[in-house]
Amino acid sequence: MTSTGRTRPAKSRESDGKPVSQGRHEYRCSICAHPQRAAIDESFVGWVSTTTIAKDYSVTRDAIYRHAHALGLLERRRRNLRAALERIIEKAGEVEVNAAAVVSAVSAYARINGRGEWVERMETVNLNALFERMSAAELETYARDGRLPDWFEAAVTARGLDSQGGSGG
């Protein structure tokens, strides 16, 4: 009880940070005992709505979330943002959406790597800034021989500059 006389709600395992007993979970979990457990897990990680999963497999949403927490499926689902975005992009032809929503979903999809990490890609190279970084000796060599330092070429190549001087990839 608190000083105001109210009882505190019980803390969930997820909020208290304590690990879930795997054996206890599996013994009591309706998802672990379900004959289509693998399909349920795959659907959850693939961003299928928990309401849809519950209806399709005759389980409760609470059981799905308890199971997902106990087995670390929430983190796998978060890393699988590409699947959620793929679902949005696939529906673009079937539902009324504006072009900005589709472009935003495609743009976000392109920025998420295979590990589910957001990656900003650089598409421009400021050659002036690279020349400003060159030492006097490197500038002299370039003026005399037309040869750029190795780090200069590596910096340009790392940013995907194509042979036409534009951005690649």
C-alpha atoms as a PDB file:
ATOM      1  CA  MET A   1       0.000   0.000   0.000  1.00  0.00           C
ATOM      2  CA  THR A   2       1.051   3.535  -0.656  1.00  0.00           C
ATOM      3  CA  SER A   3       0.820   6.414   1.804  1.00  0.00           C
ATOM      4  CA  THR A   4      -2.510   7.370   0.209  1.00  0.00           C
ATOM      5  CA  GLY A   5      -4.015   3.982   1.057  1.00  0.00           C
ATOM      6  CA  ARG A   6      -4.044   2.702  -2.516  1.00  0.00           C
ATOM      7  CA  THR A   7      -2.545  -0.590  -3.513  1.00  0.00           C
ATOM      8  CA  ARG A   8       0.084  -0.577  -6.201  1.00  0.00           C
ATOM      9  CA  PRO A   9      -0.531  -2.667  -9.289  1.00  0.00           C
ATOM     10  CA  ALA A  10       1.687  -5.718  -9.549  1.00  0.00           C
ATOM     11  CA  LYS A  11       4.754  -5.199 -11.693  1.00  0.00           C
ATOM     12  CA  SER A  12       4.976  -7.241 -14.831  1.00  0.00           C
ATOM     13  CA  ARG A  13       8.096  -9.253 -15.610  1.00  0.00           C
ATOM     14  CA  GLU A  14       8.713  -6.998 -18.600  1.00  0.00           C
ATOM     15  CA  SER A  15       8.707  -3.830 -16.536  1.00  0.00           C
ATOM     16  CA  ASP A  16      10.829  -5.132 -13.668  1.00  0.00           C
ATOM     17  CA  GLY A  17      13.605  -6.347 -15.962  1.00  0.00           C
ATOM     18  CA  LYS A  18      13.834  -9.807 -14.351  1.00  0.00           C
ATOM     19  CA  PRO A  19      14.411 -12.699 -16.724  1.00  0.00           C
ATOM     20  CA  VAL A  20      11.498 -15.033 -17.305  1.00  0.00           C
ATOM     21  CA  SER A  21      11.923 -18.648 -16.206  1.00  0.00           C
ATOM     22  CA  GLN A  22      11.968 -20.498 -19.519  1.00  0.00           C
ATOM     23  CA  GLY A  23      10.753 -23.793 -18.047  1.00  0.00           C
ATOM     24  CA  ARG A  24       7.897 -22.159 -16.130  1.00  0.00           C
ATOM     25  CA  HIS A  25       6.926 -20.173 -19.201  1.00  0.00           C
ATOM     26  CA  GLU A  26       6.877 -23.197 -21.518  1.00  0.00           C
ATOM     27  CA  TYR A  27       4.879 -25.252 -18.988  1.00  0.00           C
ATOM     28  CA  ARG A  28       2.165 -22.600 -18.619  1.00  0.00           C
ATOM     29  CA  CYS A  29       2.185 -20.984 -22.083  1.00  0.00           C
ATOM     30  CA  SER A  30      -0.735 -21.693 -24.417  1.00  0.00           C
ATOM     31  CA  ILE A  31       1.375 -20.543 -27.389  1.00  0.00           C
ATOM     32  CA  CYS A  32       4.283 -22.906 -26.601  1.00  0.00           C
ATOM     33  CA  ALA A  33       1.765 -25.786 -26.377  1.00  0.00           C
ATOM     34  CA  HIS A  34      -0.027 -24.742 -29.576  1.00  0.00           C
ATOM     35  CA  PRO A  35       0.403 -27.112 -32.545  1.00  0.00           C
ATOM     36  CA  GLN A  36       1.072 -24.095 -34.799  1.00  0.00           C
ATOM     37  CA  ARG A  37       3.515 -22.344 -32.478  1.00  0.00           C
ATOM     38  CA  ALA A  38       6.118 -21.769 -35.217  1.00  0.00           C
ATOM     39  CA  ALA A  39       3.528 -20.075 -37.435  1.00  0.00           C
ATOM     40  CA  ILE A  40       2.395 -17.881 -34.539  1.00  0.00           C
ATOM     41  CA  ASP A  41       5.995 -16.858 -33.792  1.00  0.00           C
ATOM     42  CA  GLU A  42       6.670 -16.150 -37.466  1.00  0.00           C
ATOM     43  CA  SER A  43       3.495 -14.095 -37.797  1.00  0.00           C
ATOM     44  CA  PHE A  44       4.363 -12.014 -34.742  1.00  0.00           C
ATOM     45  CA  VAL A  45       7.925 -11.331 -35.911  1.00  0.00           C
ATOM     46  CA  GLY A  46       6.519 -10.549 -39.382  1.00  0.00           C
ATOM     47  CA  TRP A  47       4.331  -7.766 -37.951  1.00  0.00           C
ATOM     48  CA  VAL A  48       0.999  -9.505 -38.439  1.00  0.00           C
ATOM     49  CA  SER A  49      -1.544  -7.823 -36.156  1.00  0.00           C
ATOM     50  CA  THR A  50      -1.831  -9.542 -32.774  1.00  0.00           C
ATOM     51  CA  THR A  51      -5.619  -9.317 -33.138  1.00  0.00           C
ATOM     52  CA  THR A  52      -5.377 -11.270 -36.399  1.00  0.00           C
ATOM     53  CA  ILE A  53      -2.986 -13.828 -34.882  1.00  0.00           C
ATOM     54  CA  ALA A  54      -5.293 -14.291 -31.868  1.00  0.00           C
ATOM     55  CA  LYS A  55      -8.306 -14.820 -34.125  1.00  0.00           C
ATOM     56  CA  ASP A  56      -6.536 -17.112 -36.630  1.00  0.00           C
ATOM     57  CA  TYR A  57      -5.012 -19.392 -33.967  1.00  0.00           C
ATOM     58  CA  SER A  58      -7.674 -19.162 -31.227  1.00  0.00           C
ATOM     59  CA  VAL A  59      -5.343 -17.655 -28.626  1.00  0.00           C
ATOM     60  CA  THR A  60      -5.469 -14.414 -26.657  1.00  0.00           C
ATOM     61  CA  ARG A  61      -3.517 -11.257 -27.414  1.00  0.00           C
ATOM     62  CA  ASP A  62      -2.241 -11.292 -23.817  1.00  0.00           C
ATOM     63  CA  ALA A  63      -0.845 -14.802 -24.325  1.00  0.00           C
ATOM     64  CA  ILE A  64       0.860 -13.666 -27.532  1.00  0.00           C
ATOM     65  CA  TYR A  65       2.562 -10.744 -25.800  1.00  0.00           C
ATOM     66  CA  ARG A  66       3.577 -12.836 -22.744  1.00  0.00           C
ATOM     67  CA  HIS A  67       5.028 -15.479 -25.071  1.00  0.00           C
ATOM     68  CA  ALA A  68       6.790 -12.883 -27.231  1.00  0.00           C
ATOM     69  CA  HIS A  69       8.358 -11.262 -24.160  1.00  0.00           C
ATOM     70  CA  ALA A  70       9.502 -14.573 -22.675  1.00  0.00           C
ATOM     71  CA  LEU A  71      11.164 -15.726 -25.894  1.00  0.00           C
ATOM     72  CA  GLY A  72      12.656 -12.406 -27.003  1.00  0.00           C
ATOM     73  CA  LEU A  73      10.351 -12.108 -30.006  1.00  0.00           C
ATOM     74  CA  LEU A  74       9.710  -8.414 -29.322  1.00  0.00           C
ATOM     75  CA  GLU A  75      13.331  -7.543 -30.120  1.00  0.00           C
ATOM     76  CA  ARG A  76      13.308  -9.752 -33.228  1.00  0.00           C
ATOM     77  CA  ARG A  77      10.113  -7.997 -34.326  1.00  0.00           C
ATOM     78  CA  ARG A  78      11.655  -4.544 -33.793  1.00  0.00           C
ATOM     79  CA  ARG A  79      14.649  -5.538 -35.911  1.00  0.00           C
ATOM     80  CA  ASN A  80      12.252  -6.712 -38.613  1.00  0.00           C
ATOM     81  CA  LEU A  81      10.871  -3.279 -39.485  1.00  0.00           C
ATOM     82  CA  ARG A  82      11.392  -4.076 -43.150  1.00  0.00           C
ATOM     83  CA  ALA A  83       8.554  -6.624 -42.978  1.00  0.00           C
ATOM     84  CA  ALA A  84       6.140  -4.003 -41.651  1.00  0.00           C
ATOM     85  CA  LEU A  85       7.166  -1.563 -44.355  1.00  0.00           C
ATOM     86  CA  GLU A  86       6.869  -4.270 -47.030  1.00  0.00           C
ATOM     87  CA  ARG A  87       3.259  -4.819 -45.937  1.00  0.00           C
ATOM     88  CA  ILE A  88       2.528  -1.090 -46.319  1.00  0.00           C
ATOM     89  CA  ILE A  89       4.202  -0.947 -49.722  1.00  0.00           C
ATOM     90  CA  GLU A  90       2.349  -4.066 -50.932  1.00  0.00           C
ATOM     91  CA  LYS A  91      -1.011  -2.546 -49.972  1.00  0.00           C
ATOM     92  CA  ALA A  92      -0.312   0.672 -51.884  1.00  0.00           C
ATOM     93  CA  GLY A  93      -2.151  -0.634 -54.948  1.00  0.00           C
ATOM     94  CA  GLU A  94      -5.125  -1.937 -52.974  1.00  0.00           C
ATOM     95  CA  VAL A  95      -6.050   0.960 -50.733  1.00  0.00           C
ATOM     96  CA  GLU A  96      -6.494   4.671 -51.115  1.00  0.00           C
ATOM     97  CA  VAL A  97      -3.200   6.257 -50.112  1.00  0.00           C
ATOM     98  CA  ASN A  98      -1.472   9.392 -51.181  1.00  0.00           C
ATOM     99  CA  ALA A  99       1.817   9.357 -53.056  1.00  0.00           C
ATOM    100  CA  ALA A 100       3.669  10.905 -50.115  1.00  0.00           C
ATOM    101  CA  ALA A 101       2.793   7.941 -47.868  1.00  0.00           C
ATOM    102  CA  VAL A 102       4.081   5.423 -50.411  1.00  0.00           C
ATOM    103  CA  VAL A 103       7.251   7.416 -51.067  1.00  0.00           C
ATOM    104  CA  SER A 104       7.856   7.724 -47.311  1.00  0.00           C
ATOM    105  CA  ALA A 105       7.445   3.972 -46.809  1.00  0.00           C
ATOM    106  CA  VAL A 106       9.767   3.164 -49.721  1.00  0.00           C
ATOM    107  CA  SER A 107      12.298   5.709 -48.476  1.00  0.00           C
ATOM    108  CA  ALA A 108      12.233   4.257 -44.964  1.00  0.00           C
ATOM    109  CA  TYR A 109      12.510   0.720 -46.365  1.00  0.00           C
ATOM    110  CA  ALA A 110      15.639   1.683 -48.298  1.00  0.00           C
ATOM    111  CA  ARG A 111      17.286   3.016 -45.132  1.00  0.00           C
ATOM    112  CA  ILE A 112      16.887  -0.144 -43.035  1.00  0.00           C
ATOM    113  CA  ASN A 113      19.603  -2.754 -43.411  1.00  0.00           C
ATOM    114  CA  GLY A 114      19.227  -6.517 -43.016  1.00  0.00           C
ATOM    115  CA  ARG A 115      19.803  -6.264 -39.246  1.00  0.00           C
ATOM    116  CA  GLY A 116      16.910  -3.814 -38.861  1.00  0.00           C
ATOM    117  CA  GLU A 117      19.197  -0.840 -38.299  1.00  0.00           C
ATOM    118  CA  TRP A 118      18.451   2.609 -39.704  1.00  0.00           C
ATOM    119  CA  VAL A 119      21.306   3.610 -42.004  1.00  0.00           C
ATOM    120  CA  GLU A 120      21.715   7.083 -43.461  1.00  0.00           C
ATOM    121  CA  ARG A 121      23.416   6.936 -46.813  1.00  0.00           C
ATOM    122  CA  MET A 122      25.543   9.796 -48.069  1.00  0.00           C
ATOM    123  CA  GLU A 123      24.958  10.567 -51.723  1.00  0.00           C
ATOM    124  CA  THR A 124      27.030  13.693 -52.176  1.00  0.00           C
ATOM    125  CA  VAL A 125      30.724  14.360 -51.897  1.00  0.00           C
ATOM    126  CA  ASN A 126      32.070  17.824 -51.218  1.00  0.00           C
ATOM    127  CA  LEU A 127      35.282  17.732 -53.244  1.00  0.00           C
ATOM    128  CA  ASN A 128      36.222  21.208 -52.071  1.00  0.00           C
ATOM    129  CA  ALA A 129      36.237  20.010 -48.470  1.00  0.00           C
ATOM    130  CA  LEU A 130      38.466  17.086 -49.435  1.00  0.00           C
ATOM    131  CA  PHE A 131      40.923  19.398 -51.222  1.00  0.00           C
ATOM    132  CA  GLU A 132      40.958  21.660 -48.153  1.00  0.00           C
ATOM    133  CA  ARG A 133      42.025  18.666 -46.048  1.00  0.00           C
ATOM    134  CA  MET A 134      45.073  18.076 -48.249  1.00  0.00           C
ATOM    135  CA  SER A 135      48.441  19.113 -46.850  1.00  0.00           C
ATOM    136  CA  ALA A 136      50.728  21.498 -48.739  1.00  0.00           C
ATOM    137  CA  ALA A 137      52.893  18.555 -49.864  1.00  0.00           C
ATOM    138  CA  GLU A 138      49.830  16.644 -51.128  1.00  0.00           C
ATOM    139  CA  LEU A 139      48.625  19.727 -53.029  1.00  0.00           C
ATOM    140  CA  GLU A 140      52.091  20.169 -54.554  1.00  0.00           C
ATOM    141  CA  THR A 141      52.162  16.506 -55.687  1.00  0.00           C
ATOM    142  CA  TYR A 142      48.695  16.872 -57.183  1.00  0.00           C
ATOM    143  CA  ALA A 143      49.638  20.078 -59.021  1.00  0.00           C
ATOM    144  CA  ARG A 144      52.883  18.589 -60.333  1.00  0.00           C
ATOM    145  CA  ASP A 145      51.865  14.963 -61.113  1.00  0.00           C
ATOM    146  CA  GLY A 146      48.071  15.015 -61.047  1.00  0.00           C
ATOM    147  CA  ARG A 147      48.197  12.295 -58.377  1.00  0.00           C
ATOM    148  CA  LEU A 148      45.765  12.402 -55.459  1.00  0.00           C
ATOM    149  CA  PRO A 149      46.619  10.974 -52.045  1.00  0.00           C
ATOM    150  CA  ASP A 150      45.329   7.470 -51.271  1.00  0.00           C
ATOM    151  CA  TRP A 151      43.044   8.741 -48.500  1.00  0.00           C
ATOM    152  CA  PHE A 152      41.399  11.167 -50.966  1.00  0.00           C
ATOM    153  CA  GLU A 153      40.471   8.461 -53.447  1.00  0.00           C
ATOM    154  CA  ALA A 154      39.333   6.161 -50.631  1.00  0.00           C
ATOM    155  CA  ALA A 155      37.048   8.917 -49.288  1.00  0.00           C
ATOM    156  CA  VAL A 156      35.474   9.454 -52.701  1.00  0.00           C
ATOM    157  CA  THR A 157      35.096   5.721 -53.391  1.00  0.00           C
ATOM    158  CA  ALA A 158      33.568   5.061 -49.956  1.00  0.00           C
ATOM    159  CA  ARG A 159      30.794   7.507 -50.778  1.00  0.00           C
ATOM    160  CA  GLY A 160      29.957   5.746 -54.030  1.00  0.00           C
ATOM    161  CA  LEU A 161      30.940   8.366 -56.581  1.00  0.00           C
ATOM    162  CA  ASP A 162      30.554   6.906 -60.060  1.00  0.00           C
ATOM    163  CA  SER A 163      32.775   7.558 -63.086  1.00  0.00           C
ATOM    164  CA  GLN A 164      30.549  10.423 -64.202  1.00  0.00           C
ATOM    165  CA  GLY A 165      31.145  12.365 -60.994  1.00  0.00           C
ATOM    166  CA  GLY A 166      27.589  11.834 -59.756  1.00  0.00           C
ATOM    167  CA  SER A 167      26.411   9.801 -56.833  1.00  0.00           C
ATOM    168  CA  GLY A 168      26.185   6.094 -57.327  1.00  0.00           C
ATOM    169  CA  GLY A 169      24.027   3.367 -55.817  1.00  0.00           C
END
